[in-house]
Amino acid sequence: ILERSDPGSRFPLVGARDLDIGSNSIQAYSIFPENEYFSVSYGSRSENDRSVELTLEKPLDREEQPELSFTVIAVDGGSPPRSGTTQVNIIVLDVNDNAPVFTQKIYVGQVLENSPEGSAVLTVVAADRDLGVNGEITYEFSKEMSQTDNPFTIDSMSGEIKLTKPLDFETANTQEVTVTATDGGGLSAICKVLVETFSVDISDVNDNAPVFNQTSYTMYVRENNVPSVFVGAVSAADADVGLNAKVTYSLAPVAAAERPSCSCISVNSESGHVFVLRPLDYERLRQTQVTVSASDAGSPPLRANVTVRLVVLDENDNAPLVLYPGQESSPASTELVPVSAEAGYLITKVVAVDADSGQNSWLSY
């Protein structure tokens, strides 16, 4: 059935057969489980021949539900009633009801001036939710562009834009083109492409500090870890170029009063990888934090700081400890019970604790 078929559309089914007659013959049809898209209707052409039709109550959408299955049940009027079933599988056929959509409204690319013909600039990407030909997309520049002056060419299938000639920074440092994506059914979408031409004659000034890709980091390690275990990484980028953009990492110095309770964390200066240097005990240290600094190689260097929180995860490394009755004395605990005590009389209570946490500390007796 085509998606977007009009509500009220009818689709005939082969009716059930019942060898009985009169009220013992087929009396009703129903759908199980009921759904919002179809209902079943029936009429009588003869005593043993009832016409059955599915009626569409709501338009189908292939992109939301490509298939639909349900059971049609025929029931006779006997006592007790008897029934028969048939499975109905609906396959929703695609129509071109979705236009292409670009991943961005505006694409920005940068090209070094005097880059040779054929140099890649960028790739525009559009998607279409339809199937087959309706979902096949081709790309082209808008018709109003002069093909003789256009310094770009676009691959109609991939959307990759390349140079047809070198660009001159002094002539124009920005070019703007419009790209149209059209599917096999004729629906289309447009986007703008801005291409900036730049020269390498500009000397970079160290005016950008490194920026971490997160405002803070939380890392986890299980207690009793092996020494120097890797637990995560921090990462920062610098918008400058050359040495001004080279980032190194270190633990930021802190005042004695602010030093963490555990000096067990190390960071690799080049990669930003974070390591725990020695085994930790959850029962003694549940979490700690340090400040990691990212510095560039400019003069003077610029830096940024970020907080790294280390959370220690518990392992079941502690056995339960019985608090009562005491276990230090050698004689077994003695409890007195009245002669008149009935069944269910509380004699004593064993009390135990476990130093672990969570399920590791749940006790059963």
Protein backbone atom coordinates (compact mmCIF):
# COMPACT_ATOMS: atom_id res chain seq x y z
CA ILE A 1 0.00 0.00 0.00
CA LEU A 2 1.37 3.40 -0.95
CA GLU A 3 2.17 5.70 1.94
CA ARG A 4 -0.02 8.81 2.04
CA SER A 5 -2.98 6.84 0.62
CA ASP A 6 -6.21 8.67 1.42
CA PRO A 7 -8.13 7.70 4.57
CA GLY A 8 -11.21 5.72 3.61
CA SER A 9 -9.36 3.72 0.96
CA ARG A 10 -10.56 0.11 0.89
CA PHE A 11 -8.52 -3.02 0.25
CA PRO A 12 -10.44 -6.29 -0.35
CA LEU A 13 -9.51 -9.51 1.42
CA VAL A 14 -10.47 -13.08 0.60
CA GLY A 15 -13.31 -13.90 3.00
CA ALA A 16 -13.37 -16.88 5.34
CA ARG A 17 -15.55 -19.95 4.55
CA ASP A 18 -17.94 -21.67 6.99
CA LEU A 19 -19.77 -24.87 6.00
CA ASP A 20 -22.52 -24.16 8.51
CA ILE A 21 -25.56 -22.08 7.57
CA GLY A 22 -27.81 -19.54 9.19
CA SER A 23 -26.71 -18.12 12.51
CA ASN A 24 -23.97 -20.76 12.72
CA SER A 25 -22.20 -19.21 9.71
CA ILE A 26 -19.73 -16.31 9.85
CA GLN A 27 -21.17 -13.32 11.69
CA ALA A 28 -18.30 -10.91 12.36
CA TYR A 29 -14.69 -9.98 11.58
CA SER A 30 -12.21 -8.16 13.80
CA ILE A 31 -8.54 -7.13 13.89
CA PHE A 32 -6.09 -8.21 16.58
CA PRO A 33 -4.27 -6.37 17.91
CA GLU A 34 -6.25 -3.28 17.05
CA ASN A 35 -4.29 -0.44 15.43
CA GLU A 36 -4.92 3.16 14.44
CA TYR A 37 -4.42 2.58 10.72
CA PHE A 38 -6.95 -0.11 9.72
CA SER A 39 -10.45 -1.33 10.50
CA VAL A 40 -12.24 -4.30 8.94
CA SER A 41 -15.67 -4.13 7.34
CA TYR A 42 -17.77 -6.90 5.83
CA GLY A 43 -20.99 -7.41 3.92
CA SER A 44 -22.96 -10.36 2.55
CA ARG A 45 -23.07 -11.31 -1.11
CA SER A 46 -24.74 -14.65 -0.38
CA GLU A 47 -25.42 -17.00 2.54
CA ASN A 48 -21.87 -18.38 2.57
CA ASP A 49 -20.01 -15.54 0.86
CA ARG A 50 -19.28 -12.42 2.86
CA SER A 51 -17.10 -9.69 1.32
CA VAL A 52 -14.29 -8.48 3.62
CA GLU A 53 -12.39 -5.21 3.22
CA LEU A 54 -9.69 -3.38 5.13
CA THR A 55 -10.45 0.32 5.50
CA LEU A 56 -7.59 2.80 5.91
CA GLU A 57 -8.35 5.08 8.86
CA LYS A 58 -5.10 7.10 8.95
CA PRO A 59 -2.44 7.84 6.30
CA LEU A 60 0.60 5.56 6.44
CA ASP A 61 4.14 6.94 6.69
CA ARG A 62 6.86 4.59 5.43
CA GLU A 63 9.60 6.59 7.13
CA GLU A 64 7.89 6.05 10.51
CA GLN A 65 6.64 2.46 10.05
CA PRO A 66 7.67 0.58 6.88
CA GLU A 67 5.72 -2.60 7.75
CA LEU A 68 2.61 -3.49 9.73
CA SER A 69 1.34 -6.94 10.75
CA PHE A 70 -1.90 -8.00 12.42
CA THR A 71 -4.42 -10.84 12.52
CA VAL A 72 -7.93 -10.80 11.03
CA ILE A 73 -10.35 -12.99 13.01
CA ALA A 74 -13.61 -14.42 11.61
CA VAL A 75 -16.22 -15.54 14.20
CA ASP A 76 -19.40 -17.54 13.59
CA GLY A 77 -22.66 -17.24 15.53
CA GLY A 78 -22.73 -20.75 16.99
CA SER A 79 -22.77 -21.67 20.65
CA PRO A 80 -20.01 -21.87 21.58
CA PRO A 81 -18.73 -19.60 18.80
CA ARG A 82 -15.87 -20.82 16.60
CA SER A 83 -13.29 -18.64 14.92
CA GLY A 84 -10.64 -18.68 12.21
CA THR A 85 -7.67 -16.38 11.70
CA THR A 86 -5.40 -15.15 8.94
CA GLN A 87 -2.22 -13.10 9.16
CA VAL A 88 -2.11 -9.82 7.23
CA ASN A 89 1.27 -8.23 6.45
CA ILE A 90 1.18 -4.65 5.15
CA ILE A 91 4.26 -3.40 3.26
CA VAL A 92 4.22 0.39 2.94
CA LEU A 93 5.46 1.55 -0.47
CA ASP A 94 7.49 4.74 -0.69
CA VAL A 95 6.34 7.95 -2.35
CA ASN A 96 8.52 11.01 -2.79
CA ASP A 97 7.25 12.94 0.22
CA ASN A 98 10.61 14.04 1.65
CA ALA A 99 12.88 16.69 0.15
CA PRO A 100 16.66 16.50 0.61
CA VAL A 101 18.04 18.20 3.72
CA PHE A 102 21.58 19.57 3.96
CA THR A 103 23.54 18.85 7.13
CA GLN A 104 24.36 22.59 7.27
CA LYS A 105 22.70 25.72 5.91
CA ILE A 106 26.08 27.36 5.31
CA TYR A 107 29.38 25.61 4.60
CA VAL A 108 32.68 27.45 5.08
CA GLY A 109 35.88 26.29 3.43
CA GLN A 110 39.40 27.69 3.36
CA VAL A 111 41.78 27.53 0.41
CA LEU A 112 45.39 28.64 0.26
CA GLU A 113 45.86 31.15 -2.53
CA ASN A 114 47.50 29.75 -5.67
CA SER A 115 46.35 26.22 -4.78
CA PRO A 116 46.47 24.21 -8.04
CA GLU A 117 43.50 23.21 -10.17
CA GLY A 118 41.75 20.14 -8.77
CA SER A 119 42.45 20.99 -5.13
CA ALA A 120 39.61 19.88 -2.85
CA VAL A 121 37.74 22.68 -1.09
CA LEU A 122 35.02 20.88 0.90
CA THR A 123 32.14 18.45 0.53
CA VAL A 124 28.48 19.34 0.97
CA VAL A 125 26.21 16.58 2.26
CA ALA A 126 22.43 16.20 2.00
CA ALA A 127 20.21 13.31 3.07
CA ASP A 128 16.77 12.16 1.90
CA ARG A 129 14.56 9.84 3.96
CA ASP A 130 12.87 8.33 0.91
CA LEU A 131 13.91 5.06 -0.74
CA GLY A 132 15.27 4.09 -4.14
CA VAL A 133 15.22 6.74 -6.84
CA ASN A 134 13.30 9.07 -4.52
CA GLY A 135 16.25 9.04 -2.13
CA GLU A 136 19.04 9.40 -4.71
CA ILE A 137 20.56 12.89 -4.56
CA THR A 138 22.46 14.84 -7.20
CA TYR A 139 24.30 18.12 -6.60
CA GLU A 140 24.79 21.13 -8.85
CA PHE A 141 25.51 24.84 -8.64
CA SER A 142 22.54 27.18 -8.93
CA LYS A 143 21.55 28.12 -12.48
CA GLU A 144 22.18 31.84 -12.02
CA MET A 145 25.92 31.31 -11.57
CA SER A 146 28.10 32.10 -14.56
CA GLN A 147 29.89 28.90 -15.47
CA THR A 148 32.69 30.79 -17.23
CA ASP A 149 33.67 32.79 -14.11
CA ASN A 150 33.00 30.03 -11.60
CA PRO A 151 36.35 28.85 -10.16
CA PHE A 152 34.74 25.71 -8.72
CA THR A 153 33.36 22.42 -9.94
CA ILE A 154 31.14 20.04 -7.98
CA ASP A 155 30.85 16.26 -8.21
CA SER A 156 27.16 15.63 -8.90
CA MET A 157 27.13 12.38 -6.91
CA SER A 158 29.44 13.02 -3.92
CA GLY A 159 28.98 16.79 -3.46
CA GLU A 160 32.75 17.36 -3.38
CA ILE A 161 33.76 20.86 -4.52
CA LYS A 162 37.14 21.38 -6.21
CA LEU A 163 39.02 24.26 -7.81
CA THR A 164 39.02 24.75 -11.57
CA LYS A 165 41.73 27.41 -11.34
CA PRO A 166 43.97 29.01 -8.67
CA LEU A 167 42.42 31.73 -6.51
CA ASP A 168 44.02 35.13 -5.91
CA PHE A 169 43.85 36.46 -2.34
CA GLU A 170 44.37 40.05 -3.49
CA THR A 171 41.53 39.87 -6.04
CA ALA A 172 38.88 38.40 -3.75
CA ASN A 173 39.41 36.83 -0.36
CA THR A 174 35.89 35.36 -0.19
CA GLN A 175 33.81 33.53 -2.80
CA GLU A 176 30.13 32.60 -2.37
CA VAL A 177 28.30 29.92 -4.34
CA THR A 178 24.90 28.25 -3.99
CA VAL A 179 24.49 24.48 -4.25
CA THR A 180 21.23 22.69 -5.06
CA ALA A 181 20.55 19.08 -4.01
CA THR A 182 17.78 17.35 -5.99
CA ASP A 183 16.34 13.88 -5.41
CA GLY A 184 15.09 11.49 -8.10
CA GLY A 185 11.53 12.71 -7.69
CA GLY A 186 12.37 16.36 -8.36
CA LEU A 187 12.30 17.74 -4.80
CA SER A 188 15.27 19.95 -3.95
CA ALA A 189 17.06 21.96 -1.25
CA ILE A 190 19.75 24.65 -1.38
CA CYS A 191 22.71 25.70 0.76
CA LYS A 192 25.37 28.40 0.62
CA VAL A 193 29.10 27.76 0.39
CA LEU A 194 31.59 30.44 1.50
CA VAL A 195 35.18 29.87 0.38
CA GLU A 196 37.84 31.99 2.08
CA THR A 197 41.19 32.48 0.38
CA PHE A 198 44.11 33.08 2.71
CA SER A 199 47.79 33.90 2.43
CA VAL A 200 50.62 32.48 4.53
CA ASP A 201 52.44 35.82 4.73
CA ILE A 202 50.70 36.72 8.00
CA SER A 203 52.79 36.28 11.16
CA ASP A 204 50.86 34.60 13.95
CA VAL A 205 50.60 36.30 17.36
CA ASN A 206 50.12 34.13 20.43
CA ASP A 207 46.74 35.63 21.33
CA ASN A 208 44.80 32.42 22.01
CA ALA A 209 45.09 30.32 25.15
CA PRO A 210 44.50 26.56 24.97
CA VAL A 211 40.88 25.49 25.43
CA PHE A 212 39.91 22.13 26.94
CA ASN A 213 37.19 20.15 25.17
CA GLN A 214 35.36 19.73 28.52
CA THR A 215 34.79 22.08 31.43
CA SER A 216 35.77 19.29 33.85
CA TYR A 217 36.65 15.61 33.74
CA THR A 218 35.54 12.68 35.88
CA MET A 219 37.57 9.46 35.70
CA TYR A 220 37.13 6.13 37.46
CA VAL A 221 39.50 3.50 38.85
CA ARG A 222 38.80 0.28 40.76
CA GLU A 223 40.47 -0.08 44.12
CA ASN A 224 43.46 -2.42 44.28
CA ASN A 225 44.45 -1.23 40.81
CA VAL A 226 47.82 -2.06 39.28
CA PRO A 227 50.41 0.74 39.54
CA SER A 228 50.47 3.33 36.72
CA VAL A 229 47.07 2.27 35.36
CA PHE A 230 45.59 4.46 32.59
CA VAL A 231 42.26 6.04 33.62
CA GLY A 232 41.50 8.62 30.91
CA ALA A 233 42.81 11.61 29.00
CA VAL A 234 42.40 15.36 28.88
CA SER A 235 42.54 17.25 25.60
CA ALA A 236 42.98 20.92 24.77
CA ALA A 237 43.31 22.79 21.47
CA ASP A 238 44.87 26.15 20.61
CA ALA A 239 43.54 28.34 17.81
CA ASP A 240 47.00 29.74 17.02
CA VAL A 241 49.45 28.12 14.59
CA GLY A 242 52.95 26.69 14.81
CA LEU A 243 54.66 26.73 18.19
CA ASN A 244 51.95 29.04 19.49
CA ALA A 245 49.52 26.13 19.11
CA LYS A 246 51.72 23.37 20.59
CA VAL A 247 50.08 22.26 23.85
CA THR A 248 51.73 20.50 26.78
CA TYR A 249 50.06 19.23 29.95
CA SER A 250 51.10 19.25 33.60
CA LEU A 251 49.64 19.15 37.09
CA ALA A 252 49.03 22.71 38.22
CA PRO A 253 50.91 23.67 41.40
CA VAL A 254 48.71 24.23 44.43
CA ALA A 255 49.23 25.69 47.88
CA ALA A 256 50.09 23.29 50.70
CA ALA A 257 46.68 23.79 52.32
CA GLU A 258 44.92 22.87 49.06
CA ARG A 259 46.96 19.81 48.16
CA PRO A 260 44.86 16.70 47.44
CA SER A 261 44.73 13.92 49.99
CA CYS A 262 46.43 11.60 47.49
CA SER A 263 49.50 12.47 45.41
CA CYS A 264 48.90 9.48 43.19
CA ILE A 265 47.89 11.04 39.85
CA SER A 266 50.19 11.74 36.91
CA VAL A 267 49.54 13.28 33.47
CA ASN A 268 51.58 12.72 30.30
CA SER A 269 52.87 16.08 29.10
CA GLU A 270 52.44 15.28 25.39
CA SER A 271 49.29 13.15 25.14
CA GLY A 272 47.31 14.31 28.18
CA HIS A 273 46.87 10.70 29.34
CA VAL A 274 46.11 10.43 33.05
CA PHE A 275 47.53 7.61 35.19
CA VAL A 276 47.09 6.42 38.79
CA LEU A 277 50.57 5.65 40.10
CA ARG A 278 49.80 3.28 43.00
CA PRO A 279 47.04 0.96 44.22
CA LEU A 280 44.15 2.70 45.99
CA ASP A 281 41.90 1.52 48.82
CA TYR A 282 38.23 2.49 48.51
CA GLU A 283 37.75 2.22 52.27
CA ARG A 284 40.43 4.90 52.80
CA LEU A 285 39.97 7.12 49.74
CA ARG A 286 36.73 7.34 47.78
CA GLN A 287 37.58 10.27 45.53
CA THR A 288 40.15 12.99 44.97
CA GLN A 289 40.76 15.73 42.44
CA VAL A 290 43.65 17.59 40.83
CA THR A 291 44.02 20.56 38.51
CA VAL A 292 45.59 19.92 35.10
CA SER A 293 47.18 22.81 33.23
CA ALA A 294 47.50 23.06 29.42
CA SER A 295 50.20 25.48 28.23
CA ASP A 296 51.16 26.53 24.71
CA ALA A 297 54.72 27.19 23.50
CA GLY A 298 54.24 30.89 22.77
CA SER A 299 56.20 33.73 24.31
CA PRO A 300 54.89 34.42 26.84
CA PRO A 301 53.05 31.08 27.13
CA LEU A 302 49.30 31.07 27.68
CA ARG A 303 47.60 28.39 29.73
CA ALA A 304 44.24 27.05 30.85
CA ASN A 305 43.30 24.88 33.81
CA VAL A 306 40.73 22.14 34.23
CA THR A 307 39.63 20.04 37.21
CA VAL A 308 40.04 16.27 37.00
CA ARG A 309 38.04 14.28 39.57
CA LEU A 310 39.10 10.69 40.26
CA VAL A 311 36.41 8.38 41.67
CA VAL A 312 37.51 5.11 43.29
CA LEU A 313 35.17 2.16 42.67
CA ASP A 314 34.63 -0.42 45.38
CA GLU A 315 35.62 -4.08 45.11
CA ASN A 316 34.47 -6.86 47.42
CA ASP A 317 37.73 -7.09 49.35
CA ASN A 318 36.36 -7.06 52.91
CA ALA A 319 34.71 -9.98 54.71
CA PRO A 320 31.77 -9.32 57.06
CA LEU A 321 32.65 -8.59 60.71
CA VAL A 322 30.38 -9.95 63.45
CA LEU A 323 29.87 -7.30 66.14
CA TYR A 324 27.52 -9.29 68.37
CA PRO A 325 27.89 -11.72 69.92
CA GLY A 326 31.57 -10.94 70.44
CA GLN A 327 34.01 -13.35 68.86
CA GLU A 328 37.09 -12.59 70.97
CA SER A 329 36.26 -14.97 73.84
CA SER A 330 36.68 -18.69 73.26
CA PRO A 331 33.42 -19.95 74.88
CA ALA A 332 30.39 -19.87 72.64
CA SER A 333 27.76 -17.22 73.37
CA THR A 334 25.12 -18.37 75.85
CA GLU A 335 21.55 -17.08 75.81
CA LEU A 336 18.87 -17.90 78.41
CA VAL A 337 15.41 -18.94 77.25
CA PRO A 338 12.39 -19.14 79.59
CA VAL A 339 10.78 -22.57 79.89
CA SER A 340 7.49 -20.96 78.91
CA ALA A 341 8.91 -19.56 75.64
CA GLU A 342 6.67 -20.30 72.68
CA ALA A 343 7.60 -20.83 69.05
CA GLY A 344 8.82 -17.57 67.52
CA TYR A 345 10.35 -16.33 70.79
CA LEU A 346 13.31 -13.98 70.05
CA ILE A 347 16.41 -15.54 71.60
CA THR A 348 19.09 -13.13 70.38
CA LYS A 349 20.19 -11.14 67.36
CA VAL A 350 23.42 -11.46 65.39
CA VAL A 351 24.83 -8.08 64.29
CA ALA A 352 27.45 -7.86 61.52
CA VAL A 353 28.85 -5.14 59.26
CA ASP A 354 30.86 -5.04 56.03
CA ALA A 355 33.34 -2.27 55.17
CA ASP A 356 32.53 -2.46 51.44
CA SER A 357 29.75 -0.46 49.78
CA GLY A 358 26.69 -1.12 47.64
CA GLN A 359 25.89 -4.77 46.94
CA ASN A 360 29.30 -5.74 48.30
CA SER A 361 28.08 -4.70 51.78
CA TRP A 362 24.66 -6.39 51.66
CA LEU A 363 24.65 -9.22 54.22
CA SER A 364 22.59 -12.39 54.51
CA TYR A 365 22.62 -14.80 57.45
